[in-house]
Amino acid sequence: MGIAPANGMAGEEETLAQCFPLDVLIAKYDNPHVSQKKNPNAQALGSLGGKARAENLSRAEIAKIASRGGKARAAKLSGAELSRIAKLAVAARERKRKGGR
């Protein structure tokens, strides 16, 4: 006894393998972790573009961009994680003030 095809006619020679590619395609969109490989060539080109852009920016513009990135990162962190990072920053400033590294 075999698997009955989707159209219900058991006499036809339709296999499960013929339906499989559609199942994989649907599963790929259901699972976002399946297709998260990044193209290393595209990453390298993006990095070069970012470096080229940074060369044309002033220190103030770079600081403004970095500030936005820091605020976006902080918005994603929990209160406990923010507190832990702030304590590390205070300790680092104290070490620097005292002449340690």
C-alpha atoms as a PDB file:
ATOM      1  CA  MET A   1       0.000   0.000   0.000  1.00  0.00           C
ATOM      2  CA  GLY A   2       1.477   3.350  -1.015  1.00  0.00           C
ATOM      3  CA  ILE A   3       0.754   6.957  -0.256  1.00  0.00           C
ATOM      4  CA  ALA A   4      -2.318   8.296  -1.958  1.00  0.00           C
ATOM      5  CA  PRO A   5      -1.636  11.372  -4.103  1.00  0.00           C
ATOM      6  CA  ALA A   6      -3.187  14.734  -3.253  1.00  0.00           C
ATOM      7  CA  ASN A   7      -5.846  14.418  -5.962  1.00  0.00           C
ATOM      8  CA  GLY A   8      -7.138  11.203  -4.347  1.00  0.00           C
ATOM      9  CA  MET A   9      -6.535   8.818  -7.263  1.00  0.00           C
ATOM     10  CA  ALA A  10      -4.524   5.923  -5.819  1.00  0.00           C
ATOM     11  CA  GLY A  11      -3.912   4.324  -9.214  1.00  0.00           C
ATOM     12  CA  GLU A  12      -1.598   7.063 -10.478  1.00  0.00           C
ATOM     13  CA  GLU A  13       2.181   6.893  -9.957  1.00  0.00           C
ATOM     14  CA  GLU A  14       2.656  10.184  -8.151  1.00  0.00           C
ATOM     15  CA  THR A  15       5.255  10.146  -5.445  1.00  0.00           C
ATOM     16  CA  LEU A  16       5.840  12.189  -2.365  1.00  0.00           C
ATOM     17  CA  ALA A  17       9.142  13.417  -3.843  1.00  0.00           C
ATOM     18  CA  GLN A  18       7.258  15.439  -6.462  1.00  0.00           C
ATOM     19  CA  CYS A  19       5.525  17.456  -3.718  1.00  0.00           C
ATOM     20  CA  PHE A  20       8.673  17.870  -1.611  1.00  0.00           C
ATOM     21  CA  PRO A  21      10.186  21.002  -3.258  1.00  0.00           C
ATOM     22  CA  LEU A  22       7.046  23.013  -2.504  1.00  0.00           C
ATOM     23  CA  ASP A  23       7.175  21.855   1.130  1.00  0.00           C
ATOM     24  CA  VAL A  24      10.802  22.959   1.402  1.00  0.00           C
ATOM     25  CA  LEU A  25       9.982  26.343  -0.126  1.00  0.00           C
ATOM     26  CA  ILE A  26       7.129  26.897   2.323  1.00  0.00           C
ATOM     27  CA  ALA A  27       9.283  25.752   5.269  1.00  0.00           C
ATOM     28  CA  LYS A  28      12.027  28.156   4.186  1.00  0.00           C
ATOM     29  CA  TYR A  29       9.660  31.121   4.521  1.00  0.00           C
ATOM     30  CA  ASP A  30       8.198  29.795   7.783  1.00  0.00           C
ATOM     31  CA  ASN A  31      11.665  29.470   9.360  1.00  0.00           C
ATOM     32  CA  PRO A  32      13.637  32.736   9.113  1.00  0.00           C
ATOM     33  CA  HIS A  33      16.880  31.063  10.230  1.00  0.00           C
ATOM     34  CA  VAL A  34      17.104  28.886   7.111  1.00  0.00           C
ATOM     35  CA  SER A  35      18.249  31.599   4.699  1.00  0.00           C
ATOM     36  CA  GLN A  36      20.409  33.883   6.847  1.00  0.00           C
ATOM     37  CA  LYS A  37      23.748  33.159   5.198  1.00  0.00           C
ATOM     38  CA  LYS A  38      25.313  36.402   4.049  1.00  0.00           C
ATOM     39  CA  ASN A  39      27.276  36.725   0.863  1.00  0.00           C
ATOM     40  CA  PRO A  40      30.908  37.381   1.919  1.00  0.00           C
ATOM     41  CA  ASN A  41      31.578  39.269  -1.329  1.00  0.00           C
ATOM     42  CA  ALA A  42      28.664  41.599  -0.675  1.00  0.00           C
ATOM     43  CA  GLN A  43      29.873  42.104   2.903  1.00  0.00           C
ATOM     44  CA  ALA A  44      33.351  43.072   1.678  1.00  0.00           C
ATOM     45  CA  LEU A  45      31.936  45.553  -0.833  1.00  0.00           C
ATOM     46  CA  GLY A  46      29.679  47.069   1.817  1.00  0.00           C
ATOM     47  CA  SER A  47      32.629  47.453   4.160  1.00  0.00           C
ATOM     48  CA  LEU A  48      34.641  49.219   1.473  1.00  0.00           C
ATOM     49  CA  GLY A  49      31.747  51.559   0.765  1.00  0.00           C
ATOM     50  CA  GLY A  50      31.378  52.375   4.441  1.00  0.00           C
ATOM     51  CA  LYS A  51      35.093  53.102   4.806  1.00  0.00           C
ATOM     52  CA  ALA A  52      35.060  55.323   1.721  1.00  0.00           C
ATOM     53  CA  ARG A  53      32.076  57.244   3.081  1.00  0.00           C
ATOM     54  CA  ALA A  54      33.699  57.637   6.499  1.00  0.00           C
ATOM     55  CA  GLU A  55      36.774  59.239   4.907  1.00  0.00           C
ATOM     56  CA  ASN A  56      34.571  62.058   3.601  1.00  0.00           C
ATOM     57  CA  LEU A  57      32.807  62.734   6.927  1.00  0.00           C
ATOM     58  CA  SER A  58      33.894  65.158   9.611  1.00  0.00           C
ATOM     59  CA  ARG A  59      34.529  64.007  13.195  1.00  0.00           C
ATOM     60  CA  ALA A  60      31.235  65.621  14.262  1.00  0.00           C
ATOM     61  CA  GLU A  61      29.273  63.732  11.607  1.00  0.00           C
ATOM     62  CA  ILE A  62      30.910  60.433  12.581  1.00  0.00           C
ATOM     63  CA  ALA A  63      30.115  61.105  16.262  1.00  0.00           C
ATOM     64  CA  LYS A  64      26.492  61.872  15.372  1.00  0.00           C
ATOM     65  CA  ILE A  65      26.156  58.578  13.463  1.00  0.00           C
ATOM     66  CA  ALA A  66      27.803  56.643  16.302  1.00  0.00           C
ATOM     67  CA  SER A  67      25.460  58.277  18.795  1.00  0.00           C
ATOM     68  CA  ARG A  68      22.432  57.080  16.837  1.00  0.00           C
ATOM     69  CA  GLY A  69      23.863  53.566  16.785  1.00  0.00           C
ATOM     70  CA  GLY A  70      24.440  53.645  20.532  1.00  0.00           C
ATOM     71  CA  LYS A  71      20.902  54.832  21.197  1.00  0.00           C
ATOM     72  CA  ALA A  72      19.468  52.091  18.972  1.00  0.00           C
ATOM     73  CA  ARG A  73      21.540  49.469  20.807  1.00  0.00           C
ATOM     74  CA  ALA A  74      20.468  50.808  24.204  1.00  0.00           C
ATOM     75  CA  ALA A  75      16.803  50.682  23.173  1.00  0.00           C
ATOM     76  CA  LYS A  76      17.115  46.923  22.577  1.00  0.00           C
ATOM     77  CA  LEU A  77      18.798  46.135  25.916  1.00  0.00           C
ATOM     78  CA  SER A  78      16.984  45.256  29.111  1.00  0.00           C
ATOM     79  CA  GLY A  79      17.260  47.463  32.195  1.00  0.00           C
ATOM     80  CA  ALA A  80      19.497  44.954  33.960  1.00  0.00           C
ATOM     81  CA  GLU A  81      21.851  44.768  30.973  1.00  0.00           C
ATOM     82  CA  LEU A  82      22.002  48.568  30.707  1.00  0.00           C
ATOM     83  CA  SER A  83      22.855  48.756  34.403  1.00  0.00           C
ATOM     84  CA  ARG A  84      25.607  46.147  34.055  1.00  0.00           C
ATOM     85  CA  ILE A  85      27.172  48.009  31.113  1.00  0.00           C
ATOM     86  CA  ALA A  86      26.954  51.343  32.965  1.00  0.00           C
ATOM     87  CA  LYS A  87      28.757  49.850  35.978  1.00  0.00           C
ATOM     88  CA  LEU A  88      31.522  48.558  33.711  1.00  0.00           C
ATOM     89  CA  ALA A  89      31.868  52.039  32.180  1.00  0.00           C
ATOM     90  CA  VAL A  90      32.137  53.652  35.634  1.00  0.00           C
ATOM     91  CA  ALA A  91      34.810  51.147  36.659  1.00  0.00           C
ATOM     92  CA  ALA A  92      36.758  51.809  33.449  1.00  0.00           C
ATOM     93  CA  ARG A  93      36.624  55.575  34.004  1.00  0.00           C
ATOM     94  CA  GLU A  94      37.849  55.126  37.582  1.00  0.00           C
ATOM     95  CA  ARG A  95      40.762  52.953  36.433  1.00  0.00           C
ATOM     96  CA  LYS A  96      41.663  55.536  33.809  1.00  0.00           C
ATOM     97  CA  ARG A  97      41.437  58.394  36.322  1.00  0.00           C
ATOM     98  CA  LYS A  98      43.720  56.549  38.742  1.00  0.00           C
ATOM     99  CA  GLY A  99      46.261  55.910  36.010  1.00  0.00           C
ATOM    100  CA  GLY A 100      45.593  52.192  35.571  1.00  0.00           C
ATOM    101  CA  ARG A 101      44.583  50.576  32.405  1.00  0.00           C
END
